Amino acid sequence: MRFSEEIARRALPFRFHTPGHKGLLCRADMTEFDGATPFPGEAVEAAQRETAALYGARHLRYSTGGASLCVKAAMLCMPGDVLAAENSHRSVFDGARLAGIRAVLIKNRTRAGLPLPLSADDLSAAYQRAGGRIKGVALTSPDYYGQCADVMPIVEFCQKNKLILLADSAHGAHFFADPTLFPRCLAPYADFTALSAHKTLRAYTQTAYLACNNDGLLKKLDQGLALLGTTSPSYPMLAQLSAAALWERENAGGYRALKAAADALKRAVKTLPNDDPMRLVVDAAAYGMTGRALYDRLVEGGLGPEKYDGRYCVCIVTLSDTPENIGALQGALTRILY
């Protein structure tokens, strides 16, 4: 039985347990009750094992505190300083502060006005400079613009030098769904991989997965999650985490039609060449506009991009979209830009 179905089964009509709304706001909001035992009993653990298998990871934990919580908990497992790119997410630096270690920064190479993900050569050079105090690597791949690192040489570099690899793959939670279409997912390879379910899967905001392949650090990871997280996680969020990965795998065939529509858009307007076919990064500067100006024009027309910077406007496509949605975006862009 899927975890979401288990929650619905446990939702009795008369409740004398928390939460205080007693199911009136959301019937599936069950935080304390599971028949004769405290909820969740075995339900969450079984669901996490099922999701771990989908991602090809030894272990996986659900987070209702986003991928930021996952990154911080993984940083608490680091026995010493870590190498990290200058453009790493703030959770890497917050995690280093919490762990009492240093994030030793590596300046990103750039292309088309954007920082590139780190390479194995970047890490090797920084490791040689920093000496023996380095114990781990915090790698961002993919980044906000759909750019990915060449991950397997980095995995091999970390294994050779006995470095713990934390992959901040917040924007790549969907990669596992179709290995023939997407870049390699790090969940089966890195010691820790943070995957933001709410960014690219059908999951509520604030939901994330943390994959772990390091048995020796699993207990410490769980201690970190307990230290940083809430003792009252949202069970509708947990249920959605269980359902989202299953739904993604079962419906992955839909990406083919979305890719065809996304490719048509890329032929119609100038976009950043990147690695994730579902990340559309429109080059507003190529048309004499700023990213902010293009963002505002799209919003005025009823289309909501993800973000902008001085040059680019970023749009995210997921299985919740349709080819017709992408076609509407393409039409709006051509009217604005030409």
C-alpha atoms as a PDB file:
ATOM      1  CA  MET A   1       0.000   0.000   0.000  1.00  0.00           C
ATOM      2  CA  ARG A   2       1.360   3.423  -0.951  1.00  0.00           C
ATOM      3  CA  PHE A   3       2.036   5.810   1.885  1.00  0.00           C
ATOM      4  CA  SER A   4      -0.575   8.329   0.651  1.00  0.00           C
ATOM      5  CA  GLU A   5      -3.204   5.566   0.681  1.00  0.00           C
ATOM      6  CA  GLU A   6      -2.069   4.507   4.155  1.00  0.00           C
ATOM      7  CA  ILE A   7      -2.607   8.051   5.430  1.00  0.00           C
ATOM      8  CA  ALA A   8      -6.120   8.169   4.011  1.00  0.00           C
ATOM      9  CA  ARG A   9      -6.913   4.795   5.617  1.00  0.00           C
ATOM     10  CA  ARG A  10      -5.828   6.055   9.033  1.00  0.00           C
ATOM     11  CA  ALA A  11      -7.915   9.241   8.864  1.00  0.00           C
ATOM     12  CA  LEU A  12     -10.757   8.395  11.278  1.00  0.00           C
ATOM     13  CA  PRO A  13     -13.904  10.585  11.313  1.00  0.00           C
ATOM     14  CA  PHE A  14     -13.625  11.483  15.008  1.00  0.00           C
ATOM     15  CA  ARG A  15     -10.219  12.634  16.167  1.00  0.00           C
ATOM     16  CA  PHE A  16      -8.981  13.365  19.654  1.00  0.00           C
ATOM     17  CA  HIS A  17      -5.357  13.871  18.669  1.00  0.00           C
ATOM     18  CA  THR A  18      -3.319  16.559  16.970  1.00  0.00           C
ATOM     19  CA  PRO A  19      -3.462  18.529  14.694  1.00  0.00           C
ATOM     20  CA  GLY A  20      -5.917  20.955  16.199  1.00  0.00           C
ATOM     21  CA  HIS A  21      -7.972  21.341  13.010  1.00  0.00           C
ATOM     22  CA  LYS A  22      -8.990  17.638  13.411  1.00  0.00           C
ATOM     23  CA  GLY A  23      -8.934  17.054   9.676  1.00  0.00           C
ATOM     24  CA  LEU A  24     -11.205  19.958   8.761  1.00  0.00           C
ATOM     25  CA  LEU A  25      -8.454  21.714   6.821  1.00  0.00           C
ATOM     26  CA  CYS A  26      -6.912  18.584   5.296  1.00  0.00           C
ATOM     27  CA  ARG A  27      -8.098  15.033   6.003  1.00  0.00           C
ATOM     28  CA  ALA A  28      -4.653  13.610   5.278  1.00  0.00           C
ATOM     29  CA  ASP A  29      -2.935  15.832   7.872  1.00  0.00           C
ATOM     30  CA  MET A  30      -2.120  13.075  10.373  1.00  0.00           C
ATOM     31  CA  THR A  31       0.766  13.779  12.726  1.00  0.00           C
ATOM     32  CA  GLU A  32       0.295  11.572  15.782  1.00  0.00           C
ATOM     33  CA  PHE A  33      -2.113   8.689  15.230  1.00  0.00           C
ATOM     34  CA  ASP A  34      -1.617   5.259  13.680  1.00  0.00           C
ATOM     35  CA  GLY A  35      -4.083   2.897  15.294  1.00  0.00           C
ATOM     36  CA  ALA A  36      -2.498   1.478  18.415  1.00  0.00           C
ATOM     37  CA  THR A  37       0.968   2.897  17.762  1.00  0.00           C
ATOM     38  CA  PRO A  38       2.373   6.420  17.351  1.00  0.00           C
ATOM     39  CA  PHE A  39       2.208   7.478  13.732  1.00  0.00           C
ATOM     40  CA  PRO A  40       4.012   6.851  11.373  1.00  0.00           C
ATOM     41  CA  GLY A  41       5.118   3.427  12.595  1.00  0.00           C
ATOM     42  CA  GLU A  42       6.668   1.627   9.639  1.00  0.00           C
ATOM     43  CA  ALA A  43       4.853   3.623   6.944  1.00  0.00           C
ATOM     44  CA  VAL A  44       7.433   6.358   6.364  1.00  0.00           C
ATOM     45  CA  GLU A  45      10.382   3.979   6.543  1.00  0.00           C
ATOM     46  CA  ALA A  46       8.814   1.659   3.953  1.00  0.00           C
ATOM     47  CA  ALA A  47       8.035   4.606   1.669  1.00  0.00           C
ATOM     48  CA  GLN A  48      11.613   5.896   1.929  1.00  0.00           C
ATOM     49  CA  ARG A  49      12.980   2.477   0.977  1.00  0.00           C
ATOM     50  CA  GLU A  50      10.718   2.413  -2.071  1.00  0.00           C
ATOM     51  CA  THR A  51      11.882   5.875  -3.174  1.00  0.00           C
ATOM     52  CA  ALA A  52      15.533   4.944  -2.563  1.00  0.00           C
ATOM     53  CA  ALA A  53      15.104   2.017  -4.963  1.00  0.00           C
ATOM     54  CA  LEU A  54      13.658   4.337  -7.618  1.00  0.00           C
ATOM     55  CA  TYR A  55      16.705   6.606  -7.358  1.00  0.00           C
ATOM     56  CA  GLY A  56      19.185   3.727  -7.148  1.00  0.00           C
ATOM     57  CA  ALA A  57      20.451   4.825  -3.721  1.00  0.00           C
ATOM     58  CA  ARG A  58      21.207   2.614  -0.711  1.00  0.00           C
ATOM     59  CA  HIS A  59      19.245   4.863   1.620  1.00  0.00           C
ATOM     60  CA  LEU A  60      16.975   7.880   1.269  1.00  0.00           C
ATOM     61  CA  ARG A  61      15.332  10.268   3.682  1.00  0.00           C
ATOM     62  CA  TYR A  62      12.346  12.555   3.189  1.00  0.00           C
ATOM     63  CA  SER A  63      12.671  16.217   4.106  1.00  0.00           C
ATOM     64  CA  THR A  64       9.862  18.674   4.775  1.00  0.00           C
ATOM     65  CA  GLY A  65      12.480  21.384   5.259  1.00  0.00           C
ATOM     66  CA  GLY A  66      13.543  21.502   1.631  1.00  0.00           C
ATOM     67  CA  ALA A  67      16.878  20.599   0.082  1.00  0.00           C
ATOM     68  CA  SER A  68      18.492  23.252   2.281  1.00  0.00           C
ATOM     69  CA  LEU A  69      17.888  21.065   5.329  1.00  0.00           C
ATOM     70  CA  CYS A  70      19.338  18.091   3.443  1.00  0.00           C
ATOM     71  CA  VAL A  71      22.526  19.960   2.537  1.00  0.00           C
ATOM     72  CA  LYS A  72      23.024  21.251   6.079  1.00  0.00           C
ATOM     73  CA  ALA A  73      22.517  17.784   7.595  1.00  0.00           C
ATOM     74  CA  ALA A  74      25.026  16.302   5.143  1.00  0.00           C
ATOM     75  CA  MET A  75      27.529  19.048   5.960  1.00  0.00           C
ATOM     76  CA  LEU A  76      27.302  18.057   9.627  1.00  0.00           C
ATOM     77  CA  CYS A  77      28.693  14.668   8.586  1.00  0.00           C
ATOM     78  CA  MET A  78      31.866  16.152   7.099  1.00  0.00           C
ATOM     79  CA  PRO A  79      34.948  15.389   9.241  1.00  0.00           C
ATOM     80  CA  GLY A  80      36.834  18.412   7.924  1.00  0.00           C
ATOM     81  CA  ASP A  81      36.910  21.243   5.400  1.00  0.00           C
ATOM     82  CA  VAL A  82      35.197  20.909   2.031  1.00  0.00           C
ATOM     83  CA  LEU A  83      35.882  22.223  -1.449  1.00  0.00           C
ATOM     84  CA  ALA A  84      32.980  24.238  -2.841  1.00  0.00           C
ATOM     85  CA  ALA A  85      32.342  26.513  -5.800  1.00  0.00           C
ATOM     86  CA  GLU A  86      31.901  30.229  -5.211  1.00  0.00           C
ATOM     87  CA  ASN A  87      28.343  30.028  -6.549  1.00  0.00           C
ATOM     88  CA  SER A  88      27.267  27.264  -4.152  1.00  0.00           C
ATOM     89  CA  HIS A  89      23.887  27.636  -2.467  1.00  0.00           C
ATOM     90  CA  ARG A  90      23.921  29.403   0.879  1.00  0.00           C
ATOM     91  CA  SER A  91      22.968  26.127   2.611  1.00  0.00           C
ATOM     92  CA  VAL A  92      26.525  24.879   1.938  1.00  0.00           C
ATOM     93  CA  PHE A  93      28.008  27.839   3.793  1.00  0.00           C
ATOM     94  CA  ASP A  94      25.373  27.709   6.541  1.00  0.00           C
ATOM     95  CA  GLY A  95      26.101  24.008   6.952  1.00  0.00           C
ATOM     96  CA  ALA A  96      29.836  24.657   7.199  1.00  0.00           C
ATOM     97  CA  ARG A  97      29.219  27.188   9.962  1.00  0.00           C
ATOM     98  CA  LEU A  98      27.023  24.735  11.851  1.00  0.00           C
ATOM     99  CA  ALA A  99      29.628  21.984  11.483  1.00  0.00           C
ATOM    100  CA  GLY A 100      32.520  24.230  12.516  1.00  0.00           C
ATOM    101  CA  ILE A 101      34.394  23.586   9.282  1.00  0.00           C
ATOM    102  CA  ARG A 102      35.458  25.729   6.312  1.00  0.00           C
ATOM    103  CA  ALA A 103      34.123  25.800   2.797  1.00  0.00           C
ATOM    104  CA  VAL A 104      37.284  26.336   0.756  1.00  0.00           C
ATOM    105  CA  LEU A 105      36.132  28.265  -2.289  1.00  0.00           C
ATOM    106  CA  ILE A 106      36.938  27.518  -5.911  1.00  0.00           C
ATOM    107  CA  LYS A 107      36.361  30.270  -8.460  1.00  0.00           C
ATOM    108  CA  ASN A 108      34.000  29.048 -11.182  1.00  0.00           C
ATOM    109  CA  ARG A 109      35.023  29.184 -14.800  1.00  0.00           C
ATOM    110  CA  THR A 110      32.478  31.127 -16.852  1.00  0.00           C
ATOM    111  CA  ARG A 111      30.738  30.820 -20.189  1.00  0.00           C
ATOM    112  CA  ALA A 112      28.137  33.069 -21.826  1.00  0.00           C
ATOM    113  CA  GLY A 113      28.165  35.275 -18.747  1.00  0.00           C
ATOM    114  CA  LEU A 114      27.398  32.463 -16.293  1.00  0.00           C
ATOM    115  CA  PRO A 115      29.500  30.426 -13.843  1.00  0.00           C
ATOM    116  CA  LEU A 116      30.044  26.821 -14.925  1.00  0.00           C
ATOM    117  CA  PRO A 117      29.818  23.779 -12.638  1.00  0.00           C
ATOM    118  CA  LEU A 118      33.119  22.541 -11.263  1.00  0.00           C
ATOM    119  CA  SER A 119      35.152  19.922 -13.112  1.00  0.00           C
ATOM    120  CA  ALA A 120      37.367  17.177 -11.753  1.00  0.00           C
ATOM    121  CA  ASP A 121      40.389  19.241 -12.874  1.00  0.00           C
ATOM    122  CA  ASP A 122      39.109  22.245 -10.903  1.00  0.00           C
ATOM    123  CA  LEU A 123      38.779  20.097  -7.801  1.00  0.00           C
ATOM    124  CA  SER A 124      42.150  18.406  -8.268  1.00  0.00           C
ATOM    125  CA  ALA A 125      43.986  21.731  -8.556  1.00  0.00           C
ATOM    126  CA  ALA A 126      42.217  23.149  -5.494  1.00  0.00           C
ATOM    127  CA  TYR A 127      42.886  19.959  -3.533  1.00  0.00           C
ATOM    128  CA  GLN A 128      46.595  20.172  -4.275  1.00  0.00           C
ATOM    129  CA  ARG A 129      46.671  23.808  -3.124  1.00  0.00           C
ATOM    130  CA  ALA A 130      44.688  23.214   0.065  1.00  0.00           C
ATOM    131  CA  GLY A 131      46.618  20.270   1.376  1.00  0.00           C
ATOM    132  CA  GLY A 132      45.443  17.505   3.672  1.00  0.00           C
ATOM    133  CA  ARG A 133      42.773  19.405   5.581  1.00  0.00           C
ATOM    134  CA  ILE A 134      40.208  18.836   2.812  1.00  0.00           C
ATOM    135  CA  LYS A 135      37.835  15.987   3.678  1.00  0.00           C
ATOM    136  CA  GLY A 136      34.923  16.554   1.325  1.00  0.00           C
ATOM    137  CA  VAL A 137      33.469  18.158  -1.787  1.00  0.00           C
ATOM    138  CA  ALA A 138      30.208  20.080  -2.123  1.00  0.00           C
ATOM    139  CA  LEU A 139      29.241  19.916  -5.801  1.00  0.00           C
ATOM    140  CA  THR A 140      26.356  21.819  -7.384  1.00  0.00           C
ATOM    141  CA  SER A 141      25.000  19.925 -10.392  1.00  0.00           C
ATOM    142  CA  PRO A 142      22.748  20.836 -12.088  1.00  0.00           C
ATOM    143  CA  ASP A 143      22.660  24.563 -11.436  1.00  0.00           C
ATOM    144  CA  TYR A 144      19.729  26.969 -11.805  1.00  0.00           C
ATOM    145  CA  TYR A 145      20.409  27.277 -15.528  1.00  0.00           C
ATOM    146  CA  GLY A 146      20.358  23.554 -16.302  1.00  0.00           C
ATOM    147  CA  GLN A 147      24.145  23.270 -16.575  1.00  0.00           C
ATOM    148  CA  CYS A 148      25.638  20.008 -15.282  1.00  0.00           C
ATOM    149  CA  ALA A 149      29.076  18.866 -14.242  1.00  0.00           C
ATOM    150  CA  ASP A 150      30.801  15.882 -15.840  1.00  0.00           C
ATOM    151  CA  VAL A 151      29.982  13.880 -12.745  1.00  0.00           C
ATOM    152  CA  MET A 152      31.713  10.513 -13.045  1.00  0.00           C
ATOM    153  CA  PRO A 153      35.288  11.921 -13.130  1.00  0.00           C
ATOM    154  CA  ILE A 154      34.356  13.863  -9.986  1.00  0.00           C
ATOM    155  CA  VAL A 155      33.008  10.717  -8.310  1.00  0.00           C
ATOM    156  CA  GLU A 156      36.258   8.924  -9.198  1.00  0.00           C
ATOM    157  CA  PHE A 157      38.375  11.843  -7.932  1.00  0.00           C
ATOM    158  CA  CYS A 158      36.569  11.790  -4.575  1.00  0.00           C
ATOM    159  CA  GLN A 159      36.852   8.023  -4.237  1.00  0.00           C
ATOM    160  CA  LYS A 160      40.565   8.078  -5.092  1.00  0.00           C
ATOM    161  CA  ASN A 161      41.287  10.746  -2.478  1.00  0.00           C
ATOM    162  CA  LYS A 162      38.826   9.397   0.115  1.00  0.00           C
ATOM    163  CA  LEU A 163      36.756  12.587   0.033  1.00  0.00           C
ATOM    164  CA  ILE A 164      33.084  12.643   0.979  1.00  0.00           C
ATOM    165  CA  LEU A 165      30.984  13.847  -1.946  1.00  0.00           C
ATOM    166  CA  LEU A 166      27.884  15.926  -1.272  1.00  0.00           C
ATOM    167  CA  ALA A 167      25.918  16.624  -4.448  1.00  0.00           C
ATOM    168  CA  ASP A 168      23.549  19.568  -4.304  1.00  0.00           C
ATOM    169  CA  SER A 169      21.273  18.334  -7.082  1.00  0.00           C
ATOM    170  CA  ALA A 170      18.274  20.336  -5.957  1.00  0.00           C
ATOM    171  CA  HIS A 171      17.327  21.156  -9.552  1.00  0.00           C
ATOM    172  CA  GLY A 172      17.825  17.596 -10.823  1.00  0.00           C
ATOM    173  CA  ALA A 173      15.248  15.535  -8.923  1.00  0.00           C
ATOM    174  CA  HIS A 174      13.675  14.528 -12.256  1.00  0.00           C
ATOM    175  CA  PHE A 175      16.844  13.147 -13.845  1.00  0.00           C
ATOM    176  CA  PHE A 176      16.186   9.599 -12.608  1.00  0.00           C
ATOM    177  CA  ALA A 177      12.925   9.378 -14.556  1.00  0.00           C
ATOM    178  CA  ASP A 178      14.530   8.820 -17.978  1.00  0.00           C
ATOM    179  CA  PRO A 179      18.303   8.169 -18.080  1.00  0.00           C
ATOM    180  CA  THR A 180      18.220   8.268 -21.895  1.00  0.00           C
ATOM    181  CA  LEU A 181      16.917  11.840 -21.902  1.00  0.00           C
ATOM    182  CA  PHE A 182      18.480  13.506 -18.871  1.00  0.00           C
ATOM    183  CA  PRO A 183      22.032  13.876 -17.535  1.00  0.00           C
ATOM    184  CA  ARG A 184      23.273  11.303 -15.049  1.00  0.00           C
ATOM    185  CA  CYS A 185      21.605  11.483 -11.644  1.00  0.00           C
ATOM    186  CA  LEU A 186      24.139  11.502  -8.797  1.00  0.00           C
ATOM    187  CA  ALA A 187      21.892   9.736  -6.277  1.00  0.00           C
ATOM    188  CA  PRO A 188      23.404   6.271  -6.932  1.00  0.00           C
ATOM    189  CA  TYR A 189      27.010   7.520  -6.729  1.00  0.00           C
ATOM    190  CA  ALA A 190      27.579  10.384  -4.273  1.00  0.00           C
ATOM    191  CA  ASP A 191      27.824   9.879  -0.526  1.00  0.00           C
ATOM    192  CA  PHE A 192      24.969  12.357  -0.174  1.00  0.00           C
ATOM    193  CA  THR A 193      22.640  13.821  -2.798  1.00  0.00           C
ATOM    194  CA  ALA A 194      20.088  16.551  -2.044  1.00  0.00           C
ATOM    195  CA  LEU A 195      17.144  16.496  -4.463  1.00  0.00           C
ATOM    196  CA  SER A 196      14.477  19.163  -4.301  1.00  0.00           C
ATOM    197  CA  ALA A 197      11.239  17.338  -5.125  1.00  0.00           C
ATOM    198  CA  HIS A 198       9.168  20.499  -5.203  1.00  0.00           C
ATOM    199  CA  LYS A 199      11.311  22.126  -7.891  1.00  0.00           C
ATOM    200  CA  THR A 200      10.745  19.649 -10.711  1.00  0.00           C
ATOM    201  CA  LEU A 201       8.390  16.902  -9.484  1.00  0.00           C
ATOM    202  CA  ARG A 202       4.697  16.931  -8.561  1.00  0.00           C
ATOM    203  CA  ALA A 203       5.365  17.676  -4.914  1.00  0.00           C
ATOM    204  CA  TYR A 204       4.516  20.412  -2.449  1.00  0.00           C
ATOM    205  CA  THR A 205       6.828  23.336  -1.788  1.00  0.00           C
ATOM    206  CA  GLN A 206       9.377  22.527   0.931  1.00  0.00           C
ATOM    207  CA  THR A 207       9.648  18.814   0.056  1.00  0.00           C
ATOM    208  CA  ALA A 208      12.968  17.165  -0.792  1.00  0.00           C
ATOM    209  CA  TYR A 209      14.863  13.873  -0.811  1.00  0.00           C
ATOM    210  CA  LEU A 210      18.289  13.147   0.669  1.00  0.00           C
ATOM    211  CA  ALA A 211      19.953  10.067  -0.831  1.00  0.00           C
ATOM    212  CA  CYS A 212      22.830   8.408   1.036  1.00  0.00           C
ATOM    213  CA  ASN A 213      25.278   5.723  -0.090  1.00  0.00           C
ATOM    214  CA  ASN A 214      27.635   5.926   2.885  1.00  0.00           C
ATOM    215  CA  ASP A 215      26.615   3.309   5.460  1.00  0.00           C
ATOM    216  CA  GLY A 216      29.243   4.525   7.907  1.00  0.00           C
ATOM    217  CA  LEU A 217      27.736   8.018   8.035  1.00  0.00           C
ATOM    218  CA  LEU A 218      24.042   7.099   7.929  1.00  0.00           C
ATOM    219  CA  LYS A 219      23.590   7.256  11.716  1.00  0.00           C
ATOM    220  CA  LYS A 220      25.295  10.640  11.881  1.00  0.00           C
ATOM    221  CA  LEU A 221      23.150  11.844   8.994  1.00  0.00           C
ATOM    222  CA  ASP A 222      19.972  10.845  10.824  1.00  0.00           C
ATOM    223  CA  GLN A 223      21.233  12.629  13.919  1.00  0.00           C
ATOM    224  CA  GLY A 224      21.824  15.769  11.850  1.00  0.00           C
ATOM    225  CA  LEU A 225      18.368  15.614  10.305  1.00  0.00           C
ATOM    226  CA  ALA A 226      16.842  15.187  13.766  1.00  0.00           C
ATOM    227  CA  LEU A 227      18.890  18.069  15.153  1.00  0.00           C
ATOM    228  CA  LEU A 228      17.953  20.500  12.388  1.00  0.00           C
ATOM    229  CA  GLY A 229      14.446  19.368  11.479  1.00  0.00           C
ATOM    230  CA  THR A 230      11.052  19.430  13.122  1.00  0.00           C
ATOM    231  CA  THR A 231       9.628  16.649  15.278  1.00  0.00           C
ATOM    232  CA  SER A 232       6.236  17.293  13.632  1.00  0.00           C
ATOM    233  CA  PRO A 233       6.738  16.921   9.874  1.00  0.00           C
ATOM    234  CA  SER A 234       3.750  17.501   7.613  1.00  0.00           C
ATOM    235  CA  TYR A 235       2.285  14.136   6.678  1.00  0.00           C
ATOM    236  CA  PRO A 236       0.565  15.460   3.554  1.00  0.00           C
ATOM    237  CA  MET A 237       4.070  16.518   2.462  1.00  0.00           C
ATOM    238  CA  LEU A 238       5.511  13.104   3.326  1.00  0.00           C
ATOM    239  CA  ALA A 239       2.698  11.390   1.437  1.00  0.00           C
ATOM    240  CA  GLN A 240       3.376  13.565  -1.583  1.00  0.00           C
ATOM    241  CA  LEU A 241       7.082  12.746  -1.432  1.00  0.00           C
ATOM    242  CA  SER A 242       6.144   9.083  -1.615  1.00  0.00           C
ATOM    243  CA  ALA A 243       3.731   9.615  -4.486  1.00  0.00           C
ATOM    244  CA  ALA A 244       5.809  12.103  -6.492  1.00  0.00           C
ATOM    245  CA  ALA A 245       8.722   9.833  -7.371  1.00  0.00           C
ATOM    246  CA  LEU A 246       6.411   6.961  -8.271  1.00  0.00           C
ATOM    247  CA  TRP A 247       4.270   9.236 -10.450  1.00  0.00           C
ATOM    248  CA  GLU A 248       7.374  10.636 -12.152  1.00  0.00           C
ATOM    249  CA  ARG A 249       8.684   7.199 -13.096  1.00  0.00           C
ATOM    250  CA  GLU A 250       5.266   5.946 -14.249  1.00  0.00           C
ATOM    251  CA  ASN A 251       4.663   8.999 -16.442  1.00  0.00           C
ATOM    252  CA  ALA A 252       8.202   9.607 -17.702  1.00  0.00           C
ATOM    253  CA  GLY A 253       7.123   8.891 -21.264  1.00  0.00           C
ATOM    254  CA  GLY A 254       5.459  12.315 -21.285  1.00  0.00           C
ATOM    255  CA  TYR A 255       8.866  13.978 -21.390  1.00  0.00           C
ATOM    256  CA  ARG A 256       9.285  13.050 -25.059  1.00  0.00           C
ATOM    257  CA  ALA A 257       6.462  15.304 -26.225  1.00  0.00           C
ATOM    258  CA  LEU A 258       7.614  18.055 -23.861  1.00  0.00           C
ATOM    259  CA  LYS A 259      11.144  17.849 -25.241  1.00  0.00           C
ATOM    260  CA  ALA A 260       9.856  18.157 -28.807  1.00  0.00           C
ATOM    261  CA  ALA A 261       7.945  21.311 -27.851  1.00  0.00           C
ATOM    262  CA  ALA A 262      10.930  22.689 -25.906  1.00  0.00           C
ATOM    263  CA  ASP A 263      13.233  22.037 -28.869  1.00  0.00           C
ATOM    264  CA  ALA A 264      10.818  23.935 -31.126  1.00  0.00           C
ATOM    265  CA  LEU A 265      10.944  26.897 -28.745  1.00  0.00           C
ATOM    266  CA  LYS A 266      14.732  26.802 -28.747  1.00  0.00           C
ATOM    267  CA  ARG A 267      14.739  26.955 -32.528  1.00  0.00           C
ATOM    268  CA  ALA A 268      12.393  29.952 -32.457  1.00  0.00           C
ATOM    269  CA  VAL A 269      14.225  32.083 -29.870  1.00  0.00           C
ATOM    270  CA  LYS A 270      17.808  32.332 -28.626  1.00  0.00           C
ATOM    271  CA  THR A 271      18.409  30.288 -25.494  1.00  0.00           C
ATOM    272  CA  LEU A 272      21.413  29.249 -23.432  1.00  0.00           C
ATOM    273  CA  PRO A 273      22.817  25.856 -24.521  1.00  0.00           C
ATOM    274  CA  ASN A 274      22.572  23.649 -21.437  1.00  0.00           C
ATOM    275  CA  ASP A 275      22.255  20.036 -20.324  1.00  0.00           C
ATOM    276  CA  ASP A 276      18.703  19.777 -18.981  1.00  0.00           C
ATOM    277  CA  PRO A 277      16.192  19.798 -21.856  1.00  0.00           C
ATOM    278  CA  MET A 278      13.454  20.908 -19.465  1.00  0.00           C
ATOM    279  CA  ARG A 279      15.262  24.103 -18.408  1.00  0.00           C
ATOM    280  CA  LEU A 280      14.546  26.943 -20.871  1.00  0.00           C
ATOM    281  CA  VAL A 281      16.945  29.858 -20.426  1.00  0.00           C
ATOM    282  CA  VAL A 282      15.988  32.660 -22.809  1.00  0.00           C
ATOM    283  CA  ASP A 283      18.789  35.053 -23.784  1.00  0.00           C
ATOM    284  CA  ALA A 284      16.983  38.389 -23.442  1.00  0.00           C
ATOM    285  CA  ALA A 285      20.191  40.347 -24.042  1.00  0.00           C
ATOM    286  CA  ALA A 286      20.387  38.935 -27.571  1.00  0.00           C
ATOM    287  CA  TYR A 287      17.266  40.988 -28.281  1.00  0.00           C
ATOM    288  CA  GLY A 288      18.408  44.159 -26.542  1.00  0.00           C
ATOM    289  CA  MET A 289      16.426  43.462 -23.360  1.00  0.00           C
ATOM    290  CA  THR A 290      17.323  42.692 -19.773  1.00  0.00           C
ATOM    291  CA  GLY A 291      16.197  39.489 -18.145  1.00  0.00           C
ATOM    292  CA  ARG A 292      14.027  41.543 -15.793  1.00  0.00           C
ATOM    293  CA  ALA A 293      12.295  43.365 -18.683  1.00  0.00           C
ATOM    294  CA  LEU A 294      11.467  40.070 -20.406  1.00  0.00           C
ATOM    295  CA  TYR A 295      10.279  38.562 -17.114  1.00  0.00           C
ATOM    296  CA  ASP A 296       7.936  41.506 -16.530  1.00  0.00           C
ATOM    297  CA  ARG A 297       6.520  41.333 -20.061  1.00  0.00           C
ATOM    298  CA  LEU A 298       5.806  37.628 -19.698  1.00  0.00           C
ATOM    299  CA  VAL A 299       4.099  38.149 -16.342  1.00  0.00           C
ATOM    300  CA  GLU A 300       1.953  40.900 -17.854  1.00  0.00           C
ATOM    301  CA  GLY A 301       0.833  38.345 -20.444  1.00  0.00           C
ATOM    302  CA  GLY A 302      -0.119  35.770 -17.821  1.00  0.00           C
ATOM    303  CA  LEU A 303       3.015  33.610 -17.976  1.00  0.00           C
ATOM    304  CA  GLY A 304       5.166  33.153 -14.880  1.00  0.00           C
ATOM    305  CA  PRO A 305       8.875  32.420 -15.386  1.00  0.00           C
ATOM    306  CA  GLU A 306      11.007  31.042 -12.572  1.00  0.00           C
ATOM    307  CA  LYS A 307      13.641  33.791 -12.318  1.00  0.00           C
ATOM    308  CA  TYR A 308      15.674  36.384 -14.178  1.00  0.00           C
ATOM    309  CA  ASP A 309      19.086  38.006 -14.056  1.00  0.00           C
ATOM    310  CA  GLY A 310      20.659  40.812 -16.040  1.00  0.00           C
ATOM    311  CA  ARG A 311      20.809  38.747 -19.217  1.00  0.00           C
ATOM    312  CA  TYR A 312      18.590  35.665 -18.958  1.00  0.00           C
ATOM    313  CA  CYS A 313      15.012  34.696 -18.121  1.00  0.00           C
ATOM    314  CA  VAL A 314      14.615  31.134 -16.815  1.00  0.00           C
ATOM    315  CA  CYS A 315      11.553  28.909 -17.317  1.00  0.00           C
ATOM    316  CA  ILE A 316      11.163  25.417 -15.824  1.00  0.00           C
ATOM    317  CA  VAL A 317       9.206  22.655 -17.606  1.00  0.00           C
ATOM    318  CA  THR A 318       7.913  19.615 -15.691  1.00  0.00           C
ATOM    319  CA  LEU A 319       5.490  16.754 -16.286  1.00  0.00           C
ATOM    320  CA  SER A 320       2.778  19.034 -14.938  1.00  0.00           C
ATOM    321  CA  ASP A 321       3.147  21.044 -18.173  1.00  0.00           C
ATOM    322  CA  THR A 322       1.826  20.172 -21.622  1.00  0.00           C
ATOM    323  CA  PRO A 323       3.256  20.787 -25.092  1.00  0.00           C
ATOM    324  CA  GLU A 324       0.470  23.345 -25.499  1.00  0.00           C
ATOM    325  CA  ASN A 325       1.781  25.256 -22.464  1.00  0.00           C
ATOM    326  CA  ILE A 326       5.221  25.426 -24.031  1.00  0.00           C
ATOM    327  CA  GLY A 327       3.659  26.514 -27.306  1.00  0.00           C
ATOM    328  CA  ALA A 328       1.919  29.379 -25.505  1.00  0.00           C
ATOM    329  CA  LEU A 329       5.257  30.420 -24.006  1.00  0.00           C
ATOM    330  CA  GLN A 330       6.894  30.271 -27.431  1.00  0.00           C
ATOM    331  CA  GLY A 331       4.145  32.425 -28.923  1.00  0.00           C
ATOM    332  CA  ALA A 332       4.486  35.014 -26.184  1.00  0.00           C
ATOM    333  CA  LEU A 333       8.261  35.123 -26.552  1.00  0.00           C
ATOM    334  CA  THR A 334       8.155  35.606 -30.304  1.00  0.00           C
ATOM    335  CA  ARG A 335       5.611  38.443 -29.949  1.00  0.00           C
ATOM    336  CA  ILE A 336       7.770  40.180 -27.330  1.00  0.00           C
ATOM    337  CA  LEU A 337      11.194  39.599 -28.858  1.00  0.00           C
ATOM    338  CA  TYR A 338      10.531  40.115 -32.563  1.00  0.00           C
END
